[in-house]
C-alpha atoms as a PDB file:
ATOM      1  CA  MET A   1      12.520  88.845 130.387  1.00  0.00           C
ATOM      2  CA  GLU A   2       9.530  89.048 132.757  1.00  0.00           C
ATOM      3  CA  HIS A   3       8.800  86.398 135.347  1.00  0.00           C
ATOM      4  CA  PRO A   4       5.174  85.177 135.474  1.00  0.00           C
ATOM      5  CA  LEU A   5       5.155  86.046 139.174  1.00  0.00           C
ATOM      6  CA  LEU A   6       7.305  88.564 141.013  1.00  0.00           C
ATOM      7  CA  TYR A   7       7.055  88.858 144.785  1.00  0.00           C
ATOM      8  CA  LEU A   8       7.604  92.604 144.805  1.00  0.00           C
ATOM      9  CA  ASN A   9       4.772  93.034 142.301  1.00  0.00           C
ATOM     10  CA  LEU A  10       2.463  91.198 144.701  1.00  0.00           C
ATOM     11  CA  LEU A  11       3.598  93.506 147.498  1.00  0.00           C
ATOM     12  CA  PHE A  12       3.058  96.593 145.358  1.00  0.00           C
ATOM     13  CA  SER A  13      -0.443  95.449 144.431  1.00  0.00           C
ATOM     14  CA  LYS A  14      -1.305  94.976 148.119  1.00  0.00           C
ATOM     15  CA  LEU A  15      -0.054  98.516 148.796  1.00  0.00           C
ATOM     16  CA  GLY A  16      -2.119  99.906 145.941  1.00  0.00           C
ATOM     17  CA  LEU A  17       0.911 100.821 143.836  1.00  0.00           C
ATOM     18  CA  PRO A  18       0.936 100.419 140.042  1.00  0.00           C
ATOM     19  CA  ILE A  19       2.523  97.295 138.555  1.00  0.00           C
ATOM     20  CA  VAL A  20       4.743  97.907 135.530  1.00  0.00           C
ATOM     21  CA  HIS A  21       6.751  95.329 133.624  1.00  0.00           C
ATOM     22  CA  SER A  22       8.515  97.373 130.963  1.00  0.00           C
ATOM     23  CA  PRO A  23       9.604 100.980 130.306  1.00  0.00           C
ATOM     24  CA  GLU A  24       6.846 101.281 127.695  1.00  0.00           C
ATOM     25  CA  GLN A  25       4.262 100.865 130.459  1.00  0.00           C
ATOM     26  CA  ALA A  26       5.902 103.471 132.725  1.00  0.00           C
ATOM     27  CA  HIS A  27       4.590 107.011 132.215  1.00  0.00           C
ATOM     28  CA  THR A  28       5.402 108.651 135.550  1.00  0.00           C
ATOM     29  CA  PHE A  29       8.517 108.920 137.692  1.00  0.00           C
ATOM     30  CA  LEU A  30       6.994 106.584 140.285  1.00  0.00           C
ATOM     31  CA  GLU A  31       6.224 103.956 137.656  1.00  0.00           C
ATOM     32  CA  HIS A  32       9.820 104.100 136.412  1.00  0.00           C
ATOM     33  CA  LEU A  33      10.997 103.509 139.991  1.00  0.00           C
ATOM     34  CA  LEU A  34       8.744 100.435 140.188  1.00  0.00           C
ATOM     35  CA  LEU A  35      10.208  98.734 137.104  1.00  0.00           C
ATOM     36  CA  PRO A  36      11.484  95.233 138.029  1.00  0.00           C
ATOM     37  CA  HIS A  37      15.131  95.875 137.163  1.00  0.00           C
ATOM     38  CA  VAL A  38      15.065  99.016 139.344  1.00  0.00           C
ATOM     39  CA  THR A  39      13.318  97.518 142.379  1.00  0.00           C
ATOM     40  CA  TYR A  40      15.410  94.345 142.360  1.00  0.00           C
ATOM     41  CA  THR A  41      18.575  96.407 141.947  1.00  0.00           C
ATOM     42  CA  TRP A  42      17.659  98.010 145.259  1.00  0.00           C
ATOM     43  CA  VAL A  43      17.122  94.543 146.715  1.00  0.00           C
ATOM     44  CA  VAL A  44      20.638  93.504 145.649  1.00  0.00           C
ATOM     45  CA  MET A  45      22.081  96.732 147.036  1.00  0.00           C
ATOM     46  CA  LEU A  46      20.264  96.199 150.341  1.00  0.00           C
ATOM     47  CA  ILE A  47      21.571  92.620 150.577  1.00  0.00           C
ATOM     48  CA  LEU A  48      25.146  93.788 149.940  1.00  0.00           C
ATOM     49  CA  ILE A  49      24.943  96.696 152.396  1.00  0.00           C
ATOM     50  CA  VAL A  50      23.365  94.655 155.193  1.00  0.00           C
ATOM     51  CA  GLY A  51      25.679  91.719 154.501  1.00  0.00           C
ATOM     52  CA  ALA A  52      28.764  93.959 154.630  1.00  0.00           C
ATOM     53  CA  LYS A  53      27.541  95.546 157.854  1.00  0.00           C
ATOM     54  CA  LEU A  54      27.029  92.152 159.481  1.00  0.00           C
ATOM     55  CA  LEU A  55      30.405  90.875 158.306  1.00  0.00           C
ATOM     56  CA  VAL A  56      32.394  93.824 159.651  1.00  0.00           C
ATOM     57  CA  ARG A  57      30.474  94.063 162.909  1.00  0.00           C
ATOM     58  CA  LYS A  58      32.653  91.476 164.624  1.00  0.00           C
ATOM     59  CA  VAL A  59      35.886  91.689 162.681  1.00  0.00           C
ATOM     60  CA  GLN A  60      38.787  90.177 164.617  1.00  0.00           C
ATOM     61  CA  LEU A  61      42.517  90.620 164.165  1.00  0.00           C
ATOM     62  CA  ILE A  62      42.884  86.860 164.501  1.00  0.00           C
ATOM     63  CA  PRO A  63      39.573  85.578 163.130  1.00  0.00           C
ATOM     64  CA  GLU A  64      37.872  82.665 164.800  1.00  0.00           C
ATOM     65  CA  ALA A  65      34.729  82.575 162.639  1.00  0.00           C
ATOM     66  CA  GLY A  66      34.845  80.786 159.324  1.00  0.00           C
ATOM     67  CA  GLY A  67      32.864  83.547 157.605  1.00  0.00           C
ATOM     68  CA  GLN A  68      35.580  86.149 158.149  1.00  0.00           C
ATOM     69  CA  ASN A  69      38.277  83.746 157.010  1.00  0.00           C
ATOM     70  CA  PHE A  70      36.343  82.941 153.835  1.00  0.00           C
ATOM     71  CA  MET A  71      35.651  86.572 152.945  1.00  0.00           C
ATOM     72  CA  GLU A  72      39.258  87.571 153.617  1.00  0.00           C
ATOM     73  CA  VAL A  73      40.449  84.865 151.232  1.00  0.00           C
ATOM     74  CA  VAL A  74      37.942  85.920 148.553  1.00  0.00           C
ATOM     75  CA  ILE A  75      38.586  89.665 148.791  1.00  0.00           C
ATOM     76  CA  SER A  76      42.359  89.414 149.113  1.00  0.00           C
ATOM     77  CA  GLY A  77      42.410  86.962 146.213  1.00  0.00           C
ATOM     78  CA  ILE A  78      40.509  89.369 143.955  1.00  0.00           C
ATOM     79  CA  GLU A  79      42.734  92.256 145.067  1.00  0.00           C
ATOM     80  CA  GLU A  80      45.997  90.413 144.392  1.00  0.00           C
ATOM     81  CA  PHE A  81      44.659  89.249 141.037  1.00  0.00           C
ATOM     82  CA  MET A  82      43.934  92.874 140.175  1.00  0.00           C
ATOM     83  CA  VAL A  83      47.414  93.982 141.260  1.00  0.00           C
ATOM     84  CA  ASP A  84      48.924  91.293 139.017  1.00  0.00           C
ATOM     85  CA  ILE A  85      47.103  92.865 136.058  1.00  0.00           C
ATOM     86  CA  THR A  86      47.266  96.594 136.809  1.00  0.00           C
ATOM     87  CA  GLY A  87      50.412  96.794 138.913  1.00  0.00           C
ATOM     88  CA  GLU A  88      50.652  98.118 142.452  1.00  0.00           C
ATOM     89  CA  GLU A  89      49.114 101.432 141.350  1.00  0.00           C
ATOM     90  CA  GLY A  90      45.818  99.668 140.696  1.00  0.00           C
ATOM     91  CA  ARG A  91      45.354  98.611 144.312  1.00  0.00           C
ATOM     92  CA  TYR A  92      43.846 102.007 145.116  1.00  0.00           C
ATOM     93  CA  TYR A  93      40.993 101.305 142.670  1.00  0.00           C
ATOM     94  CA  PHE A  94      40.153  97.875 144.025  1.00  0.00           C
ATOM     95  CA  PRO A  95      36.969  99.048 145.854  1.00  0.00           C
ATOM     96  CA  ILE A  96      35.151  99.788 142.588  1.00  0.00           C
ATOM     97  CA  ILE A  97      36.232  96.430 141.137  1.00  0.00           C
ATOM     98  CA  GLY A  98      35.076  94.593 144.250  1.00  0.00           C
ATOM     99  CA  THR A  99      31.761  96.450 144.265  1.00  0.00           C
ATOM    100  CA  LEU A 100      31.096  95.654 140.607  1.00  0.00           C
ATOM    101  CA  ALA A 101      32.071  92.012 141.129  1.00  0.00           C
ATOM    102  CA  PHE A 102      29.710  91.385 144.041  1.00  0.00           C
ATOM    103  CA  PHE A 103      26.867  93.459 142.589  1.00  0.00           C
ATOM    104  CA  ILE A 104      26.969  91.635 139.252  1.00  0.00           C
ATOM    105  CA  LEU A 105      27.358  88.214 140.881  1.00  0.00           C
ATOM    106  CA  PHE A 106      24.388  88.681 143.220  1.00  0.00           C
ATOM    107  CA  SER A 107      22.316  90.185 140.407  1.00  0.00           C
ATOM    108  CA  ASN A 108      23.092  87.184 138.203  1.00  0.00           C
ATOM    109  CA  TYR A 109      22.090  84.745 140.925  1.00  0.00           C
ATOM    110  CA  MET A 110      18.921  86.575 141.954  1.00  0.00           C
ATOM    111  CA  GLY A 111      17.234  85.775 138.658  1.00  0.00           C
ATOM    112  CA  MET A 112      17.596  82.056 139.370  1.00  0.00           C
ATOM    113  CA  ILE A 113      15.222  82.295 142.331  1.00  0.00           C
ATOM    114  CA  PRO A 114      11.557  81.843 141.347  1.00  0.00           C
ATOM    115  CA  GLY A 115       9.621  85.028 142.006  1.00  0.00           C
ATOM    116  CA  PHE A 116      12.716  87.221 141.812  1.00  0.00           C
ATOM    117  CA  TYR A 117      14.184  89.184 138.937  1.00  0.00           C
ATOM    118  CA  GLY A 118      17.854  89.352 137.994  1.00  0.00           C
ATOM    119  CA  PRO A 119      18.735  93.022 137.353  1.00  0.00           C
ATOM    120  CA  THR A 120      21.520  92.007 134.957  1.00  0.00           C
ATOM    121  CA  SER A 121      18.976  90.349 132.672  1.00  0.00           C
ATOM    122  CA  ASN A 122      17.939  93.889 131.715  1.00  0.00           C
ATOM    123  CA  ILE A 123      20.100  95.893 129.300  1.00  0.00           C
ATOM    124  CA  ASN A 124      19.633  99.094 131.343  1.00  0.00           C
ATOM    125  CA  THR A 125      21.415  97.595 134.356  1.00  0.00           C
ATOM    126  CA  THR A 126      24.312  96.139 132.394  1.00  0.00           C
ATOM    127  CA  LEU A 127      24.656  99.368 130.416  1.00  0.00           C
ATOM    128  CA  GLY A 128      24.908 101.302 133.680  1.00  0.00           C
ATOM    129  CA  CYS A 129      27.645  98.985 134.956  1.00  0.00           C
ATOM    130  CA  ALA A 130      29.514  99.260 131.651  1.00  0.00           C
ATOM    131  CA  LEU A 131      29.332 103.054 131.663  1.00  0.00           C
ATOM    132  CA  ILE A 132      30.722 103.159 135.202  1.00  0.00           C
ATOM    133  CA  ALA A 133      33.605 100.865 134.245  1.00  0.00           C
ATOM    134  CA  VAL A 134      34.562 102.713 131.043  1.00  0.00           C
ATOM    135  CA  LEU A 135      34.102 106.255 132.341  1.00  0.00           C
ATOM    136  CA  TYR A 136      36.090 105.481 135.472  1.00  0.00           C
ATOM    137  CA  THR A 137      38.857 104.168 133.199  1.00  0.00           C
ATOM    138  CA  HIS A 138      39.247 107.686 131.815  1.00  0.00           C
ATOM    139  CA  VAL A 139      39.111 109.196 135.304  1.00  0.00           C
ATOM    140  CA  ILE A 140      42.082 106.990 136.206  1.00  0.00           C
ATOM    141  CA  GLY A 141      43.888 107.958 133.001  1.00  0.00           C
ATOM    142  CA  VAL A 142      43.499 111.686 133.682  1.00  0.00           C
ATOM    143  CA  LYS A 143      44.513 111.205 137.324  1.00  0.00           C
ATOM    144  CA  PHE A 144      47.754 109.451 136.353  1.00  0.00           C
ATOM    145  CA  HIS A 145      48.735 111.426 133.251  1.00  0.00           C
ATOM    146  CA  GLY A 146      46.807 114.684 133.341  1.00  0.00           C
ATOM    147  CA  ALA A 147      46.435 116.309 129.926  1.00  0.00           C
ATOM    148  CA  LYS A 148      48.989 113.860 128.494  1.00  0.00           C
ATOM    149  CA  TYR A 149      46.313 111.152 128.699  1.00  0.00           C
ATOM    150  CA  ILE A 150      45.170 112.347 125.268  1.00  0.00           C
ATOM    151  CA  LYS A 151      48.237 110.565 123.859  1.00  0.00           C
ATOM    152  CA  HIS A 152      46.420 107.254 124.462  1.00  0.00           C
ATOM    153  CA  PHE A 153      44.042 108.285 121.672  1.00  0.00           C
ATOM    154  CA  LEU A 154      46.579 109.608 119.165  1.00  0.00           C
ATOM    155  CA  GLY A 155      48.751 106.586 118.403  1.00  0.00           C
ATOM    156  CA  PRO A 156      52.565 106.362 118.185  1.00  0.00           C
ATOM    157  CA  ILE A 157      52.922 108.194 114.837  1.00  0.00           C
ATOM    158  CA  TRP A 158      51.951 111.867 115.018  1.00  0.00           C
ATOM    159  CA  TRP A 159      50.940 112.303 111.378  1.00  0.00           C
ATOM    160  CA  LEU A 160      48.478 109.405 111.702  1.00  0.00           C
ATOM    161  CA  SER A 161      46.764 111.014 114.713  1.00  0.00           C
ATOM    162  CA  PRO A 162      43.809 112.445 112.710  1.00  0.00           C
ATOM    163  CA  LEU A 163      43.035 108.884 111.603  1.00  0.00           C
ATOM    164  CA  ILE A 164      43.804 107.119 114.898  1.00  0.00           C
ATOM    165  CA  PHE A 165      41.839 109.514 117.128  1.00  0.00           C
ATOM    166  CA  PRO A 166      38.314 108.746 115.770  1.00  0.00           C
ATOM    167  CA  ILE A 167      39.158 105.039 115.635  1.00  0.00           C
ATOM    168  CA  GLU A 168      40.164 105.128 119.312  1.00  0.00           C
ATOM    169  CA  LEU A 169      36.960 106.960 120.224  1.00  0.00           C
ATOM    170  CA  ILE A 170      34.900 104.324 118.431  1.00  0.00           C
ATOM    171  CA  GLY A 171      36.890 101.590 120.166  1.00  0.00           C
ATOM    172  CA  HIS A 172      36.234 103.039 123.622  1.00  0.00           C
ATOM    173  CA  GLY A 173      32.554 103.380 122.783  1.00  0.00           C
ATOM    174  CA  ALA A 174      32.545  99.752 121.670  1.00  0.00           C
ATOM    175  CA  ARG A 175      33.823  98.781 125.121  1.00  0.00           C
ATOM    176  CA  VAL A 176      30.565  99.982 126.627  1.00  0.00           C
ATOM    177  CA  ILE A 177      28.535  98.062 124.058  1.00  0.00           C
ATOM    178  CA  SER A 178      30.527  94.833 124.406  1.00  0.00           C
ATOM    179  CA  LEU A 179      30.514  94.851 128.221  1.00  0.00           C
ATOM    180  CA  SER A 180      26.796  95.538 128.488  1.00  0.00           C
ATOM    181  CA  ILE A 181      25.529  93.261 125.707  1.00  0.00           C
ATOM    182  CA  ARG A 182      27.751  90.303 126.659  1.00  0.00           C
ATOM    183  CA  LEU A 183      26.531  90.306 130.253  1.00  0.00           C
ATOM    184  CA  PHE A 184      22.904  91.025 129.363  1.00  0.00           C
ATOM    185  CA  GLY A 185      22.740  88.395 126.611  1.00  0.00           C
ATOM    186  CA  ASN A 186      24.143  85.583 128.712  1.00  0.00           C
ATOM    187  CA  ILE A 187      22.025  86.260 131.794  1.00  0.00           C
ATOM    188  CA  PHE A 188      18.848  86.948 129.816  1.00  0.00           C
ATOM    189  CA  GLY A 189      19.274  83.728 127.842  1.00  0.00           C
ATOM    190  CA  GLU A 190      19.894  81.707 130.978  1.00  0.00           C
ATOM    191  CA  GLU A 191      16.783  83.084 132.702  1.00  0.00           C
ATOM    192  CA  LEU A 192      14.705  82.536 129.584  1.00  0.00           C
ATOM    193  CA  VAL A 193      15.670  78.857 129.459  1.00  0.00           C
ATOM    194  CA  LEU A 194      14.938  78.491 133.177  1.00  0.00           C
ATOM    195  CA  ALA A 195      11.512  80.104 132.794  1.00  0.00           C
ATOM    196  CA  ILE A 196      10.606  77.805 129.904  1.00  0.00           C
ATOM    197  CA  LEU A 197      11.718  74.706 131.816  1.00  0.00           C
ATOM    198  CA  PHE A 198       9.815  75.765 134.945  1.00  0.00           C
ATOM    199  CA  PHE A 199       6.700  76.299 132.841  1.00  0.00           C
ATOM    200  CA  LEU A 200       6.980  72.997 130.958  1.00  0.00           C
ATOM    201  CA  ALA A 201       8.420  70.646 133.560  1.00  0.00           C
ATOM    202  CA  GLY A 202       8.917  72.476 136.830  1.00  0.00           C
ATOM    203  CA  LEU A 203       7.269  69.723 138.842  1.00  0.00           C
ATOM    204  CA  TYR A 204       9.711  67.116 137.515  1.00  0.00           C
ATOM    205  CA  LEU A 205      12.950  68.899 138.570  1.00  0.00           C
ATOM    206  CA  ALA A 206      13.940  69.406 134.930  1.00  0.00           C
ATOM    207  CA  PRO A 207      15.269  72.936 135.593  1.00  0.00           C
ATOM    208  CA  LEU A 208      17.788  71.731 138.215  1.00  0.00           C
ATOM    209  CA  PRO A 209      20.657  70.956 135.778  1.00  0.00           C
ATOM    210  CA  ILE A 210      20.266  74.397 134.202  1.00  0.00           C
ATOM    211  CA  MET A 211      20.200  75.996 137.648  1.00  0.00           C
ATOM    212  CA  PHE A 212      23.478  74.312 138.595  1.00  0.00           C
ATOM    213  CA  LEU A 213      24.954  75.431 135.279  1.00  0.00           C
ATOM    214  CA  GLY A 214      23.606  78.912 135.980  1.00  0.00           C
ATOM    215  CA  LEU A 215      25.604  79.075 139.218  1.00  0.00           C
ATOM    216  CA  PHE A 216      28.744  78.528 137.181  1.00  0.00           C
ATOM    217  CA  THR A 217      27.882  80.838 134.291  1.00  0.00           C
ATOM    218  CA  GLY A 218      26.790  83.609 136.668  1.00  0.00           C
ATOM    219  CA  LEU A 219      30.201  83.477 138.325  1.00  0.00           C
ATOM    220  CA  VAL A 220      31.999  83.349 134.983  1.00  0.00           C
ATOM    221  CA  GLN A 221      30.105  86.357 133.600  1.00  0.00           C
ATOM    222  CA  ALA A 222      30.889  88.426 136.697  1.00  0.00           C
ATOM    223  CA  PHE A 223      34.548  87.385 136.423  1.00  0.00           C
ATOM    224  CA  ILE A 224      34.756  88.310 132.718  1.00  0.00           C
ATOM    225  CA  PHE A 225      33.216  91.720 133.348  1.00  0.00           C
ATOM    226  CA  VAL A 226      35.631  92.672 136.128  1.00  0.00           C
ATOM    227  CA  LEU A 227      38.598  91.113 134.305  1.00  0.00           C
ATOM    228  CA  LEU A 228      37.992  93.314 131.260  1.00  0.00           C
ATOM    229  CA  THR A 229      37.515  96.314 133.556  1.00  0.00           C
ATOM    230  CA  MET A 230      40.863  95.583 135.223  1.00  0.00           C
ATOM    231  CA  MET A 231      42.519  95.436 131.812  1.00  0.00           C
ATOM    232  CA  TYR A 232      40.986  98.793 130.871  1.00  0.00           C
ATOM    233  CA  PHE A 233      42.305 100.255 134.135  1.00  0.00           C
ATOM    234  CA  ALA A 234      45.752  98.840 133.410  1.00  0.00           C
ATOM    235  CA  GLY A 235      45.727 100.411 129.943  1.00  0.00           C
ATOM    236  CA  ALA A 236      44.814 103.799 131.404  1.00  0.00           C
ATOM    237  CA  ILE A 237      47.567 103.592 134.032  1.00  0.00           C
ATOM    238  CA  GLU A 238      50.419 102.696 131.694  1.00  0.00           C
ATOM    239  CA  GLU A 239      52.256 105.271 129.628  1.00  0.00           C
ATOM    240  CA  ALA A 240      51.138 105.838 126.048  1.00  0.00           C
ATOM    241  CA  HIS A 241      53.551 104.643 123.374  1.00  0.00           C
END
């Protein structure tokens, strides 16, 4: 989905840079870098990096500021939830889960701001997140089990392995498709409805109920993505049967 007005596009036009709205319009490396889902991904990354830097600048052993207390509750809550699913071994992999959670959440919310673009409303962004989640699942599996990780793809009955192996490969490929399309479809649809309401009745506050609903659905979609990723991690960590 393309917004009728994007602030970064206005900035690029003032700087004399080309304005591109879709991959079909991008013919050079620079034009691909200026695609909305790429530029606003960098905006989200910058917000997260600067925000993290500001939050840890004055970390206290006994916090006095409410911001540190809030973030400690949020992060420790996500971490303990992950440990409940993956076991204590999964705690080491919490940083990638936390990074995906905050990146997806902020990307979901960015598209609700007029003039901004939500990176997760583009299939390329969600596909990238899904590939990271699924490929890292196999990295964890190899780290824990070495060459024996192949048993996860062979099934419990050895003589059925030639049949189970391709089915397992298809299933793991389907994980990428389901993660990316689920997130993309929900966020794209939400932004599309918002854009239509802003165009038809933006002056009459008609989009506000959808925006409040979008705050909830954006959180839910980020939660579902990381929850499924945690479950994939847990499956890679456990012994094959």
